[in-house]
Amino acid sequence: METKEKHFLQLLNENKGILFKICKIYEDDADDQNDLLQEMTLQLWLAFDSFRGESKFSSWMYRVALNTAIVFFKKQKRRPDSEQLPGNFEQIDDDLNTEKEEQLALFYKAVQQLDKVEKALIYLYMENQTHEEIAENLGITAINARVRLNRIKNKLKEIIKNISYEY
């Protein structure tokens, strides 16, 4: 295996959690998550030569993966067979049906209702990035990131409250 490929695979493996979380935020169907994971991996490989090491690999990876997820998400929405039905998410196995997992499933269902930029913001926030890091990754100001995150948190609270009333 070439050195470039080995280096790429090592960096990808060290940061693969980023990709899994983005997939979970942008897609609720397991097959769509796998498709998105493959697409992000491909786009990261194709763009790997553009990584100059001026930032951490994980920061560069966030940008490429989030942009790929946004484009992929737009394509999915345009497909006639990708209609989203309300309340359509996988059942959690009864053996694993703990309170925390139920809360997490509810949270991810709420996140599915956010727009693509809001999903990116909440994802980066969940990764414990500072407002400055979020701003850098998304090309906005730190103040804008802070304001948007506060609005998104309030929006998520409302969505979760509404979802909870459905059950």
N, C-alpha and C. Protein backbone atom coordinates (compact mmCIF):
# COMPACT_ATOMS: atom_id res chain seq x y z
N MET A 1 0.85 -1.18 0.00
CA MET A 1 0.00 0.00 0.00
C MET A 1 0.89 1.24 0.00
N GLU A 2 0.49 2.21 -0.77
CA GLU A 2 1.27 3.44 -0.86
C GLU A 2 1.23 4.20 0.46
N THR A 3 2.22 5.03 0.66
CA THR A 3 2.32 5.82 1.89
C THR A 3 1.14 6.77 2.02
N LYS A 4 0.76 7.41 0.92
CA LYS A 4 -0.37 8.34 0.94
C LYS A 4 -1.64 7.61 1.39
N GLU A 5 -1.89 6.45 0.83
CA GLU A 5 -3.09 5.68 1.19
C GLU A 5 -3.04 5.26 2.65
N LYS A 6 -1.89 4.82 3.09
CA LYS A 6 -1.72 4.37 4.47
C LYS A 6 -1.95 5.54 5.43
N HIS A 7 -1.39 6.69 5.10
CA HIS A 7 -1.54 7.89 5.93
C HIS A 7 -3.02 8.29 5.98
N PHE A 8 -3.68 8.29 4.84
CA PHE A 8 -5.11 8.64 4.78
C PHE A 8 -5.94 7.69 5.64
N LEU A 9 -5.72 6.39 5.48
CA LEU A 9 -6.49 5.40 6.23
C LEU A 9 -6.24 5.51 7.74
N GLN A 10 -5.02 5.83 8.11
CA GLN A 10 -4.70 6.02 9.53
C GLN A 10 -5.47 7.22 10.09
N LEU A 11 -5.42 8.35 9.39
CA LEU A 11 -6.13 9.55 9.83
C LEU A 11 -7.64 9.32 9.85
N LEU A 12 -8.14 8.64 8.83
CA LEU A 12 -9.57 8.34 8.75
C LEU A 12 -9.99 7.47 9.93
N ASN A 13 -9.21 6.46 10.23
CA ASN A 13 -9.51 5.55 11.33
C ASN A 13 -9.48 6.28 12.68
N GLU A 14 -8.53 7.17 12.86
CA GLU A 14 -8.41 7.92 14.11
C GLU A 14 -9.60 8.87 14.33
N ASN A 15 -10.24 9.29 13.24
CA ASN A 15 -11.31 10.29 13.33
C ASN A 15 -12.65 9.76 12.83
N LYS A 16 -12.81 8.46 12.73
CA LYS A 16 -14.02 7.89 12.13
C LYS A 16 -15.28 8.21 12.92
N GLY A 17 -15.15 8.49 14.20
CA GLY A 17 -16.32 8.86 15.00
C GLY A 17 -17.02 10.09 14.46
N ILE A 18 -16.25 11.01 13.90
CA ILE A 18 -16.82 12.21 13.28
C ILE A 18 -17.81 11.82 12.20
N LEU A 19 -17.39 10.90 11.34
CA LEU A 19 -18.23 10.49 10.22
C LEU A 19 -19.50 9.79 10.70
N PHE A 20 -19.37 8.91 11.68
CA PHE A 20 -20.53 8.18 12.19
C PHE A 20 -21.56 9.13 12.78
N LYS A 21 -21.09 10.13 13.52
CA LYS A 21 -22.02 11.08 14.13
C LYS A 21 -22.71 11.94 13.08
N ILE A 22 -21.98 12.38 12.08
CA ILE A 22 -22.59 13.17 11.01
C ILE A 22 -23.64 12.34 10.29
N CYS A 23 -23.33 11.08 10.02
CA CYS A 23 -24.31 10.20 9.36
C CYS A 23 -25.58 10.08 10.18
N LYS A 24 -25.43 9.92 11.47
CA LYS A 24 -26.59 9.76 12.36
C LYS A 24 -27.42 11.02 12.42
N ILE A 25 -26.78 12.17 12.34
CA ILE A 25 -27.51 13.44 12.40
C ILE A 25 -28.25 13.72 11.09
N TYR A 26 -27.64 13.41 9.97
CA TYR A 26 -28.23 13.76 8.68
C TYR A 26 -29.16 12.70 8.11
N GLU A 27 -29.02 11.47 8.51
CA GLU A 27 -29.86 10.40 7.98
C GLU A 27 -30.36 9.53 9.11
N ASP A 28 -31.66 9.17 9.07
CA ASP A 28 -32.18 8.31 10.12
C ASP A 28 -32.26 6.85 9.68
N ASP A 29 -32.22 6.58 8.41
CA ASP A 29 -32.28 5.22 7.89
C ASP A 29 -30.86 4.63 7.83
N ALA A 30 -30.69 3.40 8.31
CA ALA A 30 -29.36 2.78 8.37
C ALA A 30 -28.72 2.66 6.98
N ASP A 31 -29.51 2.31 5.97
CA ASP A 31 -28.96 2.20 4.61
C ASP A 31 -28.50 3.57 4.10
N ASP A 32 -29.28 4.60 4.37
CA ASP A 32 -28.88 5.95 3.96
C ASP A 32 -27.63 6.40 4.71
N GLN A 33 -27.52 6.01 5.98
CA GLN A 33 -26.32 6.35 6.77
C GLN A 33 -25.09 5.69 6.15
N ASN A 34 -25.23 4.43 5.74
CA ASN A 34 -24.10 3.74 5.11
C ASN A 34 -23.73 4.37 3.78
N ASP A 35 -24.75 4.76 2.99
CA ASP A 35 -24.49 5.43 1.72
C ASP A 35 -23.76 6.75 1.95
N LEU A 36 -24.21 7.50 2.94
CA LEU A 36 -23.57 8.78 3.26
C LEU A 36 -22.14 8.56 3.74
N LEU A 37 -21.92 7.55 4.56
CA LEU A 37 -20.57 7.24 5.04
C LEU A 37 -19.64 6.94 3.87
N GLN A 38 -20.11 6.17 2.93
CA GLN A 38 -19.30 5.85 1.74
C GLN A 38 -19.02 7.11 0.92
N GLU A 39 -20.03 7.94 0.76
CA GLU A 39 -19.85 9.18 -0.01
C GLU A 39 -18.87 10.12 0.67
N MET A 40 -18.96 10.25 2.00
CA MET A 40 -18.02 11.12 2.72
C MET A 40 -16.60 10.58 2.62
N THR A 41 -16.44 9.26 2.73
CA THR A 41 -15.11 8.65 2.62
C THR A 41 -14.52 8.91 1.24
N LEU A 42 -15.34 8.74 0.22
CA LEU A 42 -14.88 9.00 -1.15
C LEU A 42 -14.46 10.46 -1.32
N GLN A 43 -15.30 11.38 -0.86
CA GLN A 43 -15.00 12.81 -1.01
C GLN A 43 -13.75 13.20 -0.21
N LEU A 44 -13.58 12.59 0.95
CA LEU A 44 -12.36 12.87 1.74
C LEU A 44 -11.12 12.38 0.99
N TRP A 45 -11.21 11.21 0.38
CA TRP A 45 -10.08 10.68 -0.38
C TRP A 45 -9.77 11.58 -1.58
N LEU A 46 -10.84 11.98 -2.30
CA LEU A 46 -10.65 12.81 -3.48
C LEU A 46 -10.05 14.18 -3.12
N ALA A 47 -10.39 14.67 -1.92
CA ALA A 47 -9.90 15.98 -1.49
C ALA A 47 -8.63 15.90 -0.65
N PHE A 48 -8.15 14.71 -0.38
CA PHE A 48 -7.03 14.52 0.53
C PHE A 48 -5.79 15.32 0.10
N ASP A 49 -5.54 15.43 -1.18
CA ASP A 49 -4.39 16.20 -1.65
C ASP A 49 -4.48 17.68 -1.28
N SER A 50 -5.73 18.16 -1.05
CA SER A 50 -5.89 19.58 -0.70
C SER A 50 -5.62 19.83 0.78
N PHE A 51 -5.50 18.78 1.60
CA PHE A 51 -5.18 18.95 3.01
C PHE A 51 -3.71 19.29 3.14
N ARG A 52 -3.45 20.53 3.58
CA ARG A 52 -2.07 21.01 3.66
C ARG A 52 -1.52 20.99 5.08
N GLY A 53 -2.32 20.57 6.04
CA GLY A 53 -1.85 20.51 7.41
C GLY A 53 -1.83 21.85 8.12
N GLU A 54 -2.48 22.86 7.54
CA GLU A 54 -2.51 24.18 8.18
C GLU A 54 -3.47 24.19 9.38
N SER A 55 -4.40 23.24 9.38
CA SER A 55 -5.30 23.05 10.52
C SER A 55 -5.22 21.58 10.91
N LYS A 56 -5.89 21.23 12.01
CA LYS A 56 -5.92 19.83 12.40
C LYS A 56 -6.67 19.03 11.34
N PHE A 57 -6.29 17.78 11.17
CA PHE A 57 -6.98 16.93 10.20
C PHE A 57 -8.46 16.85 10.53
N SER A 58 -8.79 16.76 11.82
CA SER A 58 -10.20 16.63 12.21
C SER A 58 -11.00 17.86 11.79
N SER A 59 -10.43 19.05 11.87
CA SER A 59 -11.13 20.27 11.43
C SER A 59 -11.38 20.24 9.93
N TRP A 60 -10.38 19.85 9.18
CA TRP A 60 -10.53 19.73 7.73
C TRP A 60 -11.57 18.67 7.40
N MET A 61 -11.50 17.57 8.13
CA MET A 61 -12.44 16.47 7.91
C MET A 61 -13.88 16.91 8.18
N TYR A 62 -14.10 17.68 9.26
CA TYR A 62 -15.42 18.22 9.56
C TYR A 62 -15.98 18.97 8.35
N ARG A 63 -15.16 19.87 7.82
CA ARG A 63 -15.62 20.70 6.71
C ARG A 63 -16.00 19.87 5.50
N VAL A 64 -15.14 18.96 5.11
CA VAL A 64 -15.41 18.13 3.93
C VAL A 64 -16.62 17.24 4.18
N ALA A 65 -16.67 16.59 5.35
CA ALA A 65 -17.76 15.67 5.66
C ALA A 65 -19.10 16.40 5.77
N LEU A 66 -19.11 17.56 6.43
CA LEU A 66 -20.36 18.31 6.55
C LEU A 66 -20.85 18.81 5.20
N ASN A 67 -19.94 19.31 4.38
CA ASN A 67 -20.34 19.75 3.04
C ASN A 67 -20.88 18.59 2.23
N THR A 68 -20.24 17.44 2.33
CA THR A 68 -20.71 16.25 1.62
C THR A 68 -22.09 15.85 2.13
N ALA A 69 -22.29 15.88 3.44
CA ALA A 69 -23.59 15.50 4.02
C ALA A 69 -24.69 16.45 3.56
N ILE A 70 -24.37 17.73 3.50
CA ILE A 70 -25.37 18.71 3.06
C ILE A 70 -25.77 18.46 1.61
N VAL A 71 -24.79 18.23 0.74
CA VAL A 71 -25.08 17.95 -0.67
C VAL A 71 -25.85 16.64 -0.80
N PHE A 72 -25.42 15.63 -0.07
CA PHE A 72 -26.09 14.32 -0.09
C PHE A 72 -27.53 14.46 0.39
N PHE A 73 -27.73 15.23 1.44
CA PHE A 73 -29.05 15.45 2.02
C PHE A 73 -29.97 16.12 1.00
N LYS A 74 -29.45 17.12 0.29
CA LYS A 74 -30.24 17.80 -0.75
C LYS A 74 -30.66 16.82 -1.84
N LYS A 75 -29.72 15.96 -2.26
CA LYS A 75 -30.03 14.96 -3.29
C LYS A 75 -31.10 14.00 -2.81
N GLN A 76 -31.02 13.58 -1.56
CA GLN A 76 -31.99 12.64 -0.99
C GLN A 76 -33.38 13.27 -0.98
N LYS A 77 -33.45 14.54 -0.64
CA LYS A 77 -34.74 15.22 -0.56
C LYS A 77 -35.40 15.34 -1.95
N ARG A 78 -34.58 15.39 -3.01
CA ARG A 78 -35.11 15.52 -4.36
C ARG A 78 -35.58 14.19 -4.93
N ARG A 79 -35.10 13.08 -4.36
CA ARG A 79 -35.50 11.77 -4.86
C ARG A 79 -36.96 11.52 -4.51
N PRO A 80 -37.77 11.09 -5.49
CA PRO A 80 -39.19 10.86 -5.22
C PRO A 80 -39.44 9.72 -4.24
N ASP A 81 -38.51 8.78 -4.13
CA ASP A 81 -38.72 7.64 -3.24
C ASP A 81 -38.20 7.90 -1.83
N SER A 82 -37.78 9.13 -1.54
CA SER A 82 -37.20 9.39 -0.22
C SER A 82 -38.13 10.22 0.65
N GLU A 83 -39.44 10.08 0.45
CA GLU A 83 -40.38 10.83 1.28
C GLU A 83 -40.23 10.41 2.72
N GLN A 84 -40.20 11.37 3.59
CA GLN A 84 -40.06 11.07 5.01
C GLN A 84 -41.46 11.03 5.64
N LEU A 85 -41.77 9.94 6.28
CA LEU A 85 -43.04 9.81 6.96
C LEU A 85 -42.88 10.24 8.41
N PRO A 86 -43.89 10.92 8.96
CA PRO A 86 -43.77 11.34 10.36
C PRO A 86 -43.61 10.12 11.27
N GLY A 87 -42.74 10.28 12.24
CA GLY A 87 -42.55 9.20 13.21
C GLY A 87 -41.81 8.00 12.65
N ASN A 88 -41.15 8.15 11.50
CA ASN A 88 -40.48 7.02 10.87
C ASN A 88 -39.04 6.93 11.35
N PHE A 89 -38.81 6.12 12.38
CA PHE A 89 -37.44 5.84 12.79
C PHE A 89 -37.39 4.44 13.35
N GLU A 90 -36.20 3.87 13.34
CA GLU A 90 -36.04 2.47 13.73
C GLU A 90 -36.42 2.25 15.18
N GLN A 91 -37.06 1.11 15.41
CA GLN A 91 -37.40 0.71 16.77
C GLN A 91 -36.12 0.26 17.47
N ILE A 92 -36.00 0.64 18.70
CA ILE A 92 -34.86 0.22 19.49
C ILE A 92 -35.19 -1.14 20.09
N ASP A 93 -34.25 -2.04 20.02
CA ASP A 93 -34.43 -3.38 20.57
C ASP A 93 -34.87 -3.28 22.03
N ASP A 94 -35.88 -4.07 22.42
CA ASP A 94 -36.42 -4.01 23.78
C ASP A 94 -35.36 -4.23 24.84
N ASP A 95 -34.38 -5.08 24.56
CA ASP A 95 -33.33 -5.34 25.53
C ASP A 95 -32.47 -4.10 25.77
N LEU A 96 -32.39 -3.22 24.79
CA LEU A 96 -31.55 -2.03 24.90
C LEU A 96 -32.36 -0.78 25.22
N ASN A 97 -33.62 -0.96 25.52
CA ASN A 97 -34.56 0.16 25.64
C ASN A 97 -34.44 0.87 26.98
N THR A 98 -33.29 1.45 27.26
CA THR A 98 -33.09 2.18 28.50
C THR A 98 -33.56 3.61 28.34
N GLU A 99 -33.70 4.28 29.44
CA GLU A 99 -34.18 5.66 29.40
C GLU A 99 -33.23 6.57 28.62
N LYS A 100 -31.92 6.42 28.81
CA LYS A 100 -30.96 7.26 28.09
C LYS A 100 -31.05 7.03 26.59
N GLU A 101 -31.19 5.77 26.17
CA GLU A 101 -31.29 5.47 24.74
C GLU A 101 -32.58 6.05 24.15
N GLU A 102 -33.66 6.02 24.93
CA GLU A 102 -34.91 6.62 24.47
C GLU A 102 -34.75 8.13 24.30
N GLN A 103 -34.06 8.75 25.26
CA GLN A 103 -33.82 10.19 25.16
C GLN A 103 -32.94 10.52 23.96
N LEU A 104 -31.94 9.69 23.73
CA LEU A 104 -31.05 9.90 22.59
C LEU A 104 -31.80 9.73 21.28
N ALA A 105 -32.65 8.72 21.19
CA ALA A 105 -33.46 8.51 19.98
C ALA A 105 -34.38 9.69 19.75
N LEU A 106 -34.98 10.21 20.81
CA LEU A 106 -35.85 11.37 20.72
C LEU A 106 -35.06 12.59 20.26
N PHE A 107 -33.87 12.75 20.81
CA PHE A 107 -33.02 13.87 20.40
C PHE A 107 -32.67 13.79 18.92
N TYR A 108 -32.24 12.60 18.45
CA TYR A 108 -31.88 12.45 17.04
C TYR A 108 -33.09 12.65 16.13
N LYS A 109 -34.24 12.24 16.59
CA LYS A 109 -35.46 12.47 15.80
C LYS A 109 -35.73 13.97 15.69
N ALA A 110 -35.52 14.68 16.78
CA ALA A 110 -35.70 16.14 16.76
C ALA A 110 -34.68 16.80 15.84
N VAL A 111 -33.44 16.35 15.90
CA VAL A 111 -32.38 16.92 15.06
C VAL A 111 -32.71 16.71 13.58
N GLN A 112 -33.37 15.59 13.25
CA GLN A 112 -33.75 15.34 11.84
C GLN A 112 -34.64 16.45 11.30
N GLN A 113 -35.34 17.16 12.17
CA GLN A 113 -36.26 18.21 11.74
C GLN A 113 -35.57 19.56 11.54
N LEU A 114 -34.30 19.65 11.88
CA LEU A 114 -33.55 20.89 11.67
C LEU A 114 -33.12 21.00 10.22
N ASP A 115 -32.82 22.24 9.77
CA ASP A 115 -32.30 22.38 8.41
C ASP A 115 -30.82 22.02 8.41
N LYS A 116 -30.24 21.96 7.23
CA LYS A 116 -28.87 21.44 7.09
C LYS A 116 -27.83 22.26 7.85
N VAL A 117 -27.96 23.56 7.89
CA VAL A 117 -27.00 24.40 8.61
C VAL A 117 -27.17 24.24 10.11
N GLU A 118 -28.43 24.17 10.56
CA GLU A 118 -28.69 23.97 11.98
C GLU A 118 -28.11 22.63 12.45
N LYS A 119 -28.22 21.59 11.61
CA LYS A 119 -27.65 20.29 11.96
C LYS A 119 -26.13 20.39 12.10
N ALA A 120 -25.51 21.11 11.19
CA ALA A 120 -24.05 21.27 11.25
C ALA A 120 -23.65 22.00 12.54
N LEU A 121 -24.37 23.05 12.87
CA LEU A 121 -24.07 23.81 14.08
C LEU A 121 -24.22 22.95 15.34
N ILE A 122 -25.32 22.23 15.44
CA ILE A 122 -25.55 21.43 16.64
C ILE A 122 -24.56 20.29 16.71
N TYR A 123 -24.19 19.74 15.58
CA TYR A 123 -23.19 18.66 15.57
C TYR A 123 -21.86 19.17 16.10
N LEU A 124 -21.39 20.29 15.59
CA LEU A 124 -20.11 20.83 16.04
C LEU A 124 -20.17 21.21 17.52
N TYR A 125 -21.31 21.70 17.97
CA TYR A 125 -21.50 22.01 19.38
C TYR A 125 -21.40 20.73 20.22
N MET A 126 -22.02 19.66 19.73
CA MET A 126 -21.98 18.38 20.45
C MET A 126 -20.56 17.81 20.49
N GLU A 127 -19.72 18.22 19.56
CA GLU A 127 -18.33 17.79 19.54
C GLU A 127 -17.46 18.67 20.43
N ASN A 128 -18.10 19.50 21.25
CA ASN A 128 -17.42 20.38 22.21
C ASN A 128 -16.51 21.40 21.53
N GLN A 129 -16.87 21.79 20.33
CA GLN A 129 -16.10 22.84 19.68
C GLN A 129 -16.52 24.20 20.25
N THR A 130 -15.57 25.10 20.36
CA THR A 130 -15.86 26.45 20.84
C THR A 130 -16.63 27.20 19.75
N HIS A 131 -17.20 28.31 20.15
CA HIS A 131 -17.92 29.14 19.17
C HIS A 131 -16.97 29.60 18.06
N GLU A 132 -15.73 29.85 18.44
CA GLU A 132 -14.73 30.28 17.46
C GLU A 132 -14.42 29.15 16.47
N GLU A 133 -14.28 27.93 16.98
CA GLU A 133 -14.01 26.78 16.09
C GLU A 133 -15.20 26.51 15.17
N ILE A 134 -16.40 26.61 15.73
CA ILE A 134 -17.60 26.41 14.91
C ILE A 134 -17.65 27.47 13.82
N ALA A 135 -17.37 28.70 14.20
CA ALA A 135 -17.38 29.80 13.23
C ALA A 135 -16.37 29.55 12.11
N GLU A 136 -15.18 29.11 12.49
CA GLU A 136 -14.14 28.83 11.50
C GLU A 136 -14.56 27.70 10.55
N ASN A 137 -15.13 26.65 11.11
CA ASN A 137 -15.54 25.51 10.29
C ASN A 137 -16.68 25.84 9.33
N LEU A 138 -17.57 26.76 9.74
CA LEU A 138 -18.75 27.06 8.92
C LEU A 138 -18.65 28.38 8.17
N GLY A 139 -17.58 29.12 8.41
CA GLY A 139 -17.40 30.38 7.69
C GLY A 139 -18.33 31.48 8.16
N ILE A 140 -18.63 31.50 9.47
CA ILE A 140 -19.47 32.55 10.05
C ILE A 140 -18.70 33.17 11.21
N THR A 141 -19.27 34.22 11.81
CA THR A 141 -18.60 34.83 12.96
C THR A 141 -18.92 34.05 14.23
N ALA A 142 -18.08 34.21 15.23
CA ALA A 142 -18.30 33.53 16.51
C ALA A 142 -19.60 34.01 17.16
N ILE A 143 -19.89 35.28 17.05
CA ILE A 143 -21.14 35.82 17.61
C ILE A 143 -22.33 35.20 16.90
N ASN A 144 -22.25 35.10 15.57
CA ASN A 144 -23.32 34.47 14.80
C ASN A 144 -23.50 33.02 15.23
N ALA A 145 -22.42 32.31 15.44
CA ALA A 145 -22.49 30.91 15.88
C ALA A 145 -23.18 30.83 17.24
N ARG A 146 -22.83 31.70 18.16
CA ARG A 146 -23.41 31.70 19.50
C ARG A 146 -24.92 31.98 19.43
N VAL A 147 -25.31 32.99 18.68
CA VAL A 147 -26.72 33.35 18.56
C VAL A 147 -27.51 32.21 17.91
N ARG A 148 -26.98 31.68 16.82
CA ARG A 148 -27.67 30.59 16.13
C ARG A 148 -27.81 29.36 17.02
N LEU A 149 -26.76 29.03 17.77
CA LEU A 149 -26.83 27.87 18.66
C LEU A 149 -27.90 28.05 19.72
N ASN A 150 -28.01 29.24 20.29
CA ASN A 150 -29.06 29.48 21.28
C ASN A 150 -30.44 29.30 20.66
N ARG A 151 -30.63 29.78 19.45
CA ARG A 151 -31.91 29.62 18.77
C ARG A 151 -32.20 28.14 18.47
N ILE A 152 -31.16 27.43 18.05
CA ILE A 152 -31.33 26.01 17.74
C ILE A 152 -31.67 25.21 18.99
N LYS A 153 -31.03 25.52 20.10
CA LYS A 153 -31.33 24.82 21.36
C LYS A 153 -32.80 25.02 21.74
N ASN A 154 -33.27 26.26 21.61
CA ASN A 154 -34.68 26.53 21.91
C ASN A 154 -35.60 25.81 20.94
N LYS A 155 -35.22 25.79 19.68
CA LYS A 155 -36.01 25.10 18.66
C LYS A 155 -36.07 23.60 18.97
N LEU A 156 -34.93 23.01 19.35
CA LEU A 156 -34.90 21.59 19.69
C LEU A 156 -35.80 21.29 20.90
N LYS A 157 -35.78 22.17 21.89
CA LYS A 157 -36.65 21.97 23.06
C LYS A 157 -38.12 21.92 22.64
N GLU A 158 -38.51 22.83 21.74
CA GLU A 158 -39.89 22.85 21.26
C GLU A 158 -40.22 21.60 20.44
N ILE A 159 -39.32 21.20 19.58
CA ILE A 159 -39.54 20.00 18.76
C ILE A 159 -39.68 18.78 19.66
N ILE A 160 -38.80 18.65 20.64
CA ILE A 160 -38.86 17.50 21.55
C ILE A 160 -40.16 17.53 22.35
N LYS A 161 -40.57 18.71 22.79
CA LYS A 161 -41.83 18.82 23.53
C LYS A 161 -42.99 18.36 22.65
N ASN A 162 -42.99 18.79 21.38
CA ASN A 162 -44.06 18.40 20.45
C ASN A 162 -44.03 16.91 20.14
N ILE A 163 -42.84 16.38 19.95
CA ILE A 163 -42.72 14.94 19.69
C ILE A 163 -43.21 14.14 20.89
N SER A 164 -42.88 14.60 22.08
CA SER A 164 -43.29 13.91 23.31
C SER A 164 -44.81 13.87 23.43
N TYR A 165 -45.50 14.91 22.97
CA TYR A 165 -46.95 14.93 23.02
C TYR A 165 -47.57 13.92 22.07
N GLU A 166 -46.84 13.56 21.00
CA GLU A 166 -47.35 12.59 20.03
C GLU A 166 -47.44 11.18 20.62
N TYR A 167 -46.65 10.90 21.65
CA TYR A 167 -46.60 9.54 22.20
C TYR A 167 -47.51 9.37 23.37
